Protein backbone atom coordinates (compact mmCIF):
# COMPACT_ATOMS: atom_id res chain seq x y z
CA UNK A 1 43.49 3.02 0.20
CA UNK A 2 42.15 5.64 2.57
CA UNK A 3 41.52 4.81 6.20
CA UNK A 4 37.92 4.20 7.24
CA UNK A 5 36.11 7.21 8.64
CA UNK A 6 35.24 7.53 12.29
CA UNK A 7 31.52 7.02 11.57
CA UNK A 8 32.27 3.79 9.67
CA UNK A 9 34.41 2.56 12.55
CA UNK A 10 31.65 3.30 15.05
CA UNK A 11 29.08 1.41 12.96
CA UNK A 12 31.36 -1.61 12.61
CA UNK A 13 32.09 -1.57 16.33
CA UNK A 14 28.39 -1.53 17.11
CA UNK A 15 27.70 -4.45 14.76
CA UNK A 16 30.66 -6.64 15.62
CA UNK A 17 31.73 -5.46 19.06
CA UNK A 18 31.57 -7.50 22.24
CA UNK A 19 28.20 -6.07 23.24
CA UNK A 20 26.71 -6.86 19.82
CA UNK A 21 27.99 -10.44 19.95
CA UNK A 22 26.41 -10.94 23.37
CA UNK A 23 23.11 -9.54 22.05
CA UNK A 24 23.21 -11.92 19.07
CA UNK A 25 23.81 -14.86 21.41
CA UNK A 26 20.67 -13.97 23.34
CA UNK A 27 18.73 -13.81 20.08
CA UNK A 28 19.80 -17.26 18.87
CA UNK A 29 17.28 -19.30 20.97
CA UNK A 30 14.37 -17.10 19.86
CA UNK A 31 15.53 -17.21 16.25
CA UNK A 32 15.84 -21.00 16.40
CA UNK A 33 12.28 -21.37 17.74
CA UNK A 34 10.91 -18.91 15.16
CA UNK A 35 12.72 -20.78 12.39
CA UNK A 36 10.99 -24.02 13.35
CA UNK A 37 7.46 -22.78 14.00
CA UNK A 38 7.27 -19.81 11.60
CA UNK A 39 9.94 -19.44 8.92
CA UNK A 40 10.19 -23.09 7.84
CA UNK A 41 6.37 -23.57 7.47
CA UNK A 42 6.14 -20.34 5.48
CA UNK A 43 8.93 -21.32 3.10
CA UNK A 44 7.53 -24.85 2.80
CA UNK A 45 4.12 -23.43 1.92
CA UNK A 46 5.64 -21.25 -0.79
CA UNK A 47 7.37 -24.34 -2.19
CA UNK A 48 4.09 -26.29 -2.10
CA UNK A 49 2.34 -23.56 -4.09
CA UNK A 50 4.57 -24.32 -7.08
CA UNK A 51 3.93 -28.08 -6.97
CA UNK A 52 1.02 -30.45 -7.58
CA UNK A 53 0.96 -31.48 -3.93
CA UNK A 54 -1.66 -34.19 -3.30
CA UNK A 55 -2.82 -36.34 -0.39
CA UNK A 56 -0.36 -39.13 -1.22
CA UNK A 57 2.52 -36.70 -0.78
CA UNK A 58 1.69 -36.39 2.90
CA UNK A 59 2.95 -39.90 3.62
CA UNK A 60 6.46 -40.40 4.91
CA UNK A 61 8.77 -41.45 2.10
CA UNK A 62 6.33 -40.36 -0.60
CA UNK A 63 7.82 -39.17 -3.90
CA UNK A 64 8.39 -35.49 -4.43
CA UNK A 65 5.32 -33.86 -6.03
CA UNK A 66 5.80 -32.66 -9.60
CA UNK A 67 6.87 -29.06 -10.10
CA UNK A 68 4.20 -27.13 -12.04
CA UNK A 69 5.54 -23.59 -11.58
CA UNK A 70 2.66 -21.08 -11.65
CA UNK A 71 -0.02 -23.64 -12.53
CA UNK A 72 -1.82 -23.34 -9.20
CA UNK A 73 -1.84 -19.55 -9.37
CA UNK A 74 -3.25 -19.65 -12.91
CA UNK A 75 -6.04 -22.00 -11.78
CA UNK A 76 -6.98 -19.63 -8.98
CA UNK A 77 -6.96 -16.46 -11.07
CA UNK A 78 -8.79 -18.04 -14.05
CA UNK A 79 -11.44 -19.78 -11.88
CA UNK A 80 -10.29 -23.17 -13.09
CA UNK A 81 -10.95 -25.06 -9.84
CA UNK A 82 -13.32 -27.99 -10.14
CA UNK A 83 -15.57 -29.03 -7.28
CA UNK A 84 -16.24 -25.55 -5.84
CA UNK A 85 -19.68 -24.20 -6.81
CA UNK A 86 -20.05 -20.55 -7.76
CA UNK A 87 -16.31 -19.90 -7.47
CA UNK A 88 -15.19 -16.53 -8.81
CA UNK A 89 -11.87 -15.18 -7.55
CA UNK A 90 -12.51 -11.52 -8.43
CA UNK A 91 -15.93 -11.57 -6.74
CA UNK A 92 -14.40 -13.34 -3.75
CA UNK A 93 -11.60 -10.77 -3.50
CA UNK A 94 -13.99 -7.82 -3.92
CA UNK A 95 -16.29 -9.09 -1.17
CA UNK A 96 -13.34 -9.84 1.11
CA UNK A 97 -11.94 -6.31 0.69
CA UNK A 98 -15.31 -4.64 1.17
CA UNK A 99 -15.99 -6.84 4.21
CA UNK A 100 -12.70 -5.84 5.85
CA UNK A 101 -12.88 -2.12 5.04
CA UNK A 102 -16.52 -1.70 6.06
CA UNK A 103 -15.99 -3.49 9.36
CA UNK A 104 -12.85 -1.56 10.27
CA UNK A 105 -14.44 1.82 9.50
CA UNK A 106 -17.44 1.05 11.71
CA UNK A 107 -15.24 -0.43 14.46
CA UNK A 108 -12.98 2.63 14.63
CA UNK A 109 -15.77 5.22 14.44
CA UNK A 110 -17.94 3.45 16.99
CA UNK A 111 -14.99 2.72 19.29
CA UNK A 112 -13.83 6.35 19.26
CA UNK A 113 -17.38 7.65 19.81
CA UNK A 114 -17.96 5.39 22.82
CA UNK A 115 -14.49 6.17 24.20
CA UNK A 116 -15.28 9.90 23.99
CA UNK A 117 -18.58 9.29 25.77
CA UNK A 118 -17.00 7.25 28.56
CA UNK A 119 -14.18 9.78 28.92
CA UNK A 120 -16.60 12.37 30.29
CA UNK A 121 -15.74 13.01 33.92
CA UNK A 122 -19.36 13.69 34.85
CA UNK A 123 -20.48 10.25 33.67
CA UNK A 124 -21.40 8.07 36.64
CA UNK A 125 -20.08 4.49 36.63
CA UNK A 126 -17.82 4.85 33.61
CA UNK A 127 -15.27 2.37 35.06
CA UNK A 128 -18.04 -0.24 35.24
CA UNK A 129 -19.04 0.43 31.64
CA UNK A 130 -15.43 0.06 30.49
CA UNK A 131 -15.21 -3.30 32.24
CA UNK A 132 -18.47 -4.53 30.72
CA UNK A 133 -17.88 -3.59 27.08
CA UNK A 134 -14.75 -5.76 26.82
CA UNK A 135 -16.76 -8.92 27.55
CA UNK A 136 -17.22 -9.79 23.84
CA UNK A 137 -13.44 -10.01 23.48
CA UNK A 138 -13.07 -12.81 26.05
CA UNK A 139 -15.85 -15.02 24.67
CA UNK A 140 -14.54 -17.93 22.51
CA UNK A 141 -15.09 -17.25 18.79
CA UNK A 142 -17.01 -20.48 18.14
CA UNK A 143 -19.53 -19.50 20.82
CA UNK A 144 -19.92 -16.03 19.30
CA UNK A 145 -20.60 -17.48 15.85
CA UNK A 146 -23.04 -20.09 17.17
CA UNK A 147 -25.03 -17.65 19.30
CA UNK A 148 -25.37 -15.08 16.52
CA UNK A 149 -26.30 -17.79 14.01
CA UNK A 150 -29.14 -18.87 16.29
CA UNK A 151 -30.19 -15.25 16.84
CA UNK A 152 -30.55 -14.82 13.07
CA UNK A 153 -32.46 -18.08 12.66
CA UNK A 154 -35.47 -17.72 10.33
CA UNK A 155 -38.12 -19.34 12.53
CA UNK A 156 -36.85 -19.06 16.11
CA UNK A 157 -34.24 -16.30 16.00
CA UNK A 158 -34.26 -13.44 18.48
CA UNK A 159 -33.74 -10.86 15.71
CA UNK A 160 -36.96 -11.81 13.91
CA UNK A 161 -38.86 -11.91 17.20
CA UNK A 162 -37.56 -8.43 18.04
CA UNK A 163 -38.64 -7.13 14.63
CA UNK A 164 -42.08 -8.66 15.17
CA UNK A 165 -42.40 -6.79 18.47
CA UNK A 166 -41.28 -3.52 16.89
CA UNK A 167 -43.70 -3.96 13.98
CA UNK A 168 -46.47 -5.03 16.41
CA UNK A 169 -46.88 -8.39 14.75
CA UNK A 170 -47.61 -11.74 16.44
CA UNK A 171 -44.65 -14.01 17.35
CA UNK A 172 -43.42 -15.69 14.21
CA UNK A 173 -44.91 -12.96 12.05
CA UNK A 174 -41.46 -12.02 10.72
CA UNK A 175 -39.73 -14.81 8.80
CA UNK A 176 -36.61 -13.20 7.32
CA UNK A 177 -34.05 -15.77 6.13
CA UNK A 178 -31.03 -13.69 7.13
CA UNK A 179 -28.38 -16.30 6.38
CA UNK A 180 -29.91 -18.13 3.40
CA UNK A 181 -31.83 -15.55 1.36
CA UNK A 182 -30.12 -15.31 -2.08
CA UNK A 183 -31.72 -11.93 -2.87
CA UNK A 184 -30.01 -8.55 -2.87
CA UNK A 185 -31.36 -6.06 -0.29
CA UNK A 186 -29.52 -3.30 -2.19
CA UNK A 187 -30.48 -3.91 -5.85
CA UNK A 188 -27.80 -1.64 -7.34
CA UNK A 189 -25.05 -3.31 -5.26
CA UNK A 190 -25.37 -7.07 -5.90
CA UNK A 191 -22.09 -7.83 -4.12
CA UNK A 192 -23.79 -7.84 -0.69
CA UNK A 193 -26.39 -10.51 0.17
CA UNK A 194 -28.57 -10.27 3.24
CA UNK A 195 -26.23 -12.58 5.16
CA UNK A 196 -23.48 -9.94 4.87
CA UNK A 197 -25.48 -7.62 7.12
CA UNK A 198 -26.00 -10.42 9.64
CA UNK A 199 -22.25 -11.07 9.70
CA UNK A 200 -21.58 -7.34 9.90
CA UNK A 201 -23.85 -6.98 12.92
CA UNK A 202 -22.11 -9.82 14.75
CA UNK A 203 -18.62 -8.56 13.96
CA UNK A 204 -19.40 -4.97 14.91
CA UNK A 205 -20.62 -6.21 18.30
CA UNK A 206 -17.38 -8.14 18.59
CA UNK A 207 -14.92 -5.60 17.19
CA UNK A 208 -15.66 -2.17 18.61
CA UNK A 209 -14.66 -2.83 22.27
CA UNK A 210 -10.93 -3.16 21.58
CA UNK A 211 -11.02 -0.02 19.46
CA UNK A 212 -12.70 1.75 22.36
CA UNK A 213 -10.01 0.51 24.74
CA UNK A 214 -7.22 1.81 22.49
CA UNK A 215 -9.01 5.12 21.98
CA UNK A 216 -9.57 5.45 25.74
CA UNK A 217 -5.85 5.04 26.41
CA UNK A 218 -5.02 7.66 23.81
CA UNK A 219 -7.60 10.09 25.20
CA UNK A 220 -6.29 9.76 28.73
CA UNK A 221 -2.78 10.65 27.54
CA UNK A 222 -3.86 14.05 26.16
CA UNK A 223 -2.69 16.95 28.36
CA UNK A 224 -5.64 19.06 29.51
CA UNK A 225 -3.55 22.18 29.02
CA UNK A 226 -3.98 21.81 25.26
CA UNK A 227 -7.77 21.98 25.52
CA UNK A 228 -7.45 25.05 27.74
CA UNK A 229 -5.12 26.70 25.24
CA UNK A 230 -7.59 26.10 22.39
CA UNK A 231 -10.40 27.47 24.55
CA UNK A 232 -8.40 30.61 25.33
CA UNK A 233 -7.88 31.12 21.60
CA UNK A 234 -11.64 31.07 21.13
CA UNK A 235 -12.00 27.51 19.88
CA UNK A 236 -15.21 25.59 20.47
CA UNK A 237 -15.85 21.86 21.03
CA UNK A 238 -15.38 20.99 17.34
CA UNK A 239 -12.05 22.88 17.21
CA UNK A 240 -10.86 21.06 20.33
CA UNK A 241 -11.79 17.71 18.80
CA UNK A 242 -10.21 18.45 15.41
CA UNK A 243 -7.01 20.13 16.61
CA UNK A 244 -6.24 18.23 19.81
CA UNK A 245 -8.23 15.00 20.08
CA UNK A 246 -7.81 13.76 16.51
CA UNK A 247 -4.11 14.70 16.55
CA UNK A 248 -3.47 12.50 19.57
CA UNK A 249 -5.78 9.71 18.46
CA UNK A 250 -4.06 9.23 15.10
CA UNK A 251 -0.82 7.55 16.32
CA UNK A 252 -2.86 5.04 18.34
CA UNK A 253 -5.86 4.36 16.11
CA UNK A 254 -4.30 4.14 12.64
CA UNK A 255 -1.87 1.28 13.42
CA UNK A 256 -4.64 -0.51 15.30
CA UNK A 257 -6.98 0.03 12.34
CA UNK A 258 -4.42 -1.63 10.04
CA UNK A 259 -4.11 -4.49 12.52
CA UNK A 260 -7.90 -4.75 12.66
CA UNK A 261 -8.08 -4.83 8.88
CA UNK A 262 -5.69 -7.80 8.74
CA UNK A 263 -7.65 -9.64 11.45
CA UNK A 264 -11.01 -8.95 9.78
CA UNK A 265 -9.66 -9.85 6.34
CA UNK A 266 -8.76 -13.30 7.71
CA UNK A 267 -11.76 -13.65 10.07
CA UNK A 268 -12.47 -17.34 9.63
CA UNK A 269 -15.05 -18.36 12.19
CA UNK A 270 -17.96 -15.99 11.44
CA UNK A 271 -18.07 -16.77 7.73
CA UNK A 272 -17.49 -20.49 8.26
CA UNK A 273 -19.62 -21.24 11.32
CA UNK A 274 -22.30 -18.56 11.07
CA UNK A 275 -23.22 -18.36 7.37
CA UNK A 276 -21.14 -21.29 6.04
CA UNK A 277 -20.12 -18.97 3.20
CA UNK A 278 -23.69 -18.84 1.95
CA UNK A 279 -25.84 -18.27 0.22
CA UNK A 280 -24.13 -19.93 -2.76
CA UNK A 281 -20.67 -18.94 -1.57
CA UNK A 282 -21.42 -15.20 -1.60
CA UNK A 283 -20.07 -14.59 1.94
CA UNK A 284 -17.08 -16.83 1.44
CA UNK A 285 -13.74 -15.24 2.35
CA UNK A 286 -10.34 -16.06 0.95
CA UNK A 287 -9.32 -17.77 4.18
CA UNK A 288 -12.44 -19.97 4.29
CA UNK A 289 -12.04 -20.80 0.62
CA UNK A 290 -8.44 -21.86 1.22
CA UNK A 291 -9.62 -24.05 4.11
CA UNK A 292 -12.21 -25.73 1.89
CA UNK A 293 -9.56 -26.39 -0.74
CA UNK A 294 -7.63 -28.37 1.87
CA UNK A 295 -10.43 -29.94 3.89
CA UNK A 296 -12.97 -30.69 1.16
CA UNK A 297 -11.01 -30.87 -2.09
CA UNK A 298 -7.58 -31.94 -0.74
CA UNK A 299 -5.89 -29.57 -3.21
CA UNK A 300 -2.90 -28.76 -1.03
CA UNK A 301 -0.86 -27.04 -3.72
CA UNK A 302 -3.76 -24.81 -4.78
CA UNK A 303 -4.52 -23.96 -1.14
CA UNK A 304 -0.88 -23.05 -0.56
CA UNK A 305 -0.98 -20.76 -3.59
CA UNK A 306 -4.20 -19.26 -2.23
CA UNK A 307 -2.44 -18.46 1.03
CA UNK A 308 0.51 -16.86 -0.75
CA UNK A 309 -1.87 -14.67 -2.74
CA UNK A 310 -3.60 -13.63 0.49
CA UNK A 311 -0.25 -12.72 2.03
CA UNK A 312 0.74 -10.61 -0.97
CA UNK A 313 -2.62 -8.81 -1.01
CA UNK A 314 -2.37 -7.96 2.67
CA UNK A 315 1.27 -6.90 2.33
CA UNK A 316 0.50 -4.51 -0.54
CA UNK A 317 -2.58 -3.07 1.18
CA UNK A 318 -0.70 -2.59 4.46
CA UNK A 319 2.21 -0.82 2.77
CA UNK A 320 -0.09 1.44 0.76
CA UNK A 321 -2.28 2.26 3.76
CA UNK A 322 0.72 2.94 5.96
CA UNK A 323 2.23 5.19 3.30
CA UNK A 324 -0.95 7.19 2.69
CA UNK A 325 -2.01 7.57 6.32
CA UNK A 326 1.47 7.67 7.89
CA UNK A 327 0.11 5.29 10.50
CA UNK A 328 3.48 4.72 12.14
CA UNK A 329 4.26 8.43 12.41
CA UNK A 330 3.88 10.10 15.77
CA UNK A 331 1.80 13.22 16.41
CA UNK A 332 4.94 15.35 16.63
CA UNK A 333 6.05 14.48 13.08
């Protein structure tokens, strides 16, 4: 048997040497805490998804729920869930994906545009503006949902009053049922009810500030010499933006866009507290549907399977997006 190579010896020394053992000892407390609060609940939920877990199984000393293999997953995918009106998994998934993608695109574009505007040195009071536009981030989510729900109220909402002023109509002259109208404002795209646009407005107000903060940090890290070099070569404002600005924005904005997609995909409080999933469940998200399975129907096994499906969908989308956009690659790659 040949002796191990020097490279193999170095790798083994790094993994099992004294320094590595000390590092592992420091990691043990964190790993123990993560095992209790993260890994064990995740594994337990996966186990629940393959069982007929009911309310009686929550009691201490209750019998083990029967193992039904992929029965819960089949119920979800074939729309065989009693007690939930207008349930359609494919429609629910399509709306959830469109909701997340449309929000993230608007958040990133608007955040970058405002960051570029506030990055102008000649703009007076730009530090004050940067401090003000992060206010939506610090407001509790339940307050955000409640305020926007009242603003879109049919009879007394500020949005309808504003439209009445713009259209020069008397107060109360506009009675748009933003959150309850079952009609389709875009006839050829029946996936989006009117309440989607109300939710979109609220979430855009809430989501663009953090994108602007990230974009501002990336813009301030760009060396000014690069802009001067492009200008010497005869490049105009569009060339500077395309060659320099976008190149340096990509490593910061793409990972944050993926993070924003995951957050928006699982954005519980707007759909639940603002539109209540209506009308007729058309603004229901996967996360709110899973919550209703637990809270209203007490179908714990089905809800666990729902959560596993959500995790797999997000995992696949994140891997594909990261592969196509090279979101974790730096600008020098």
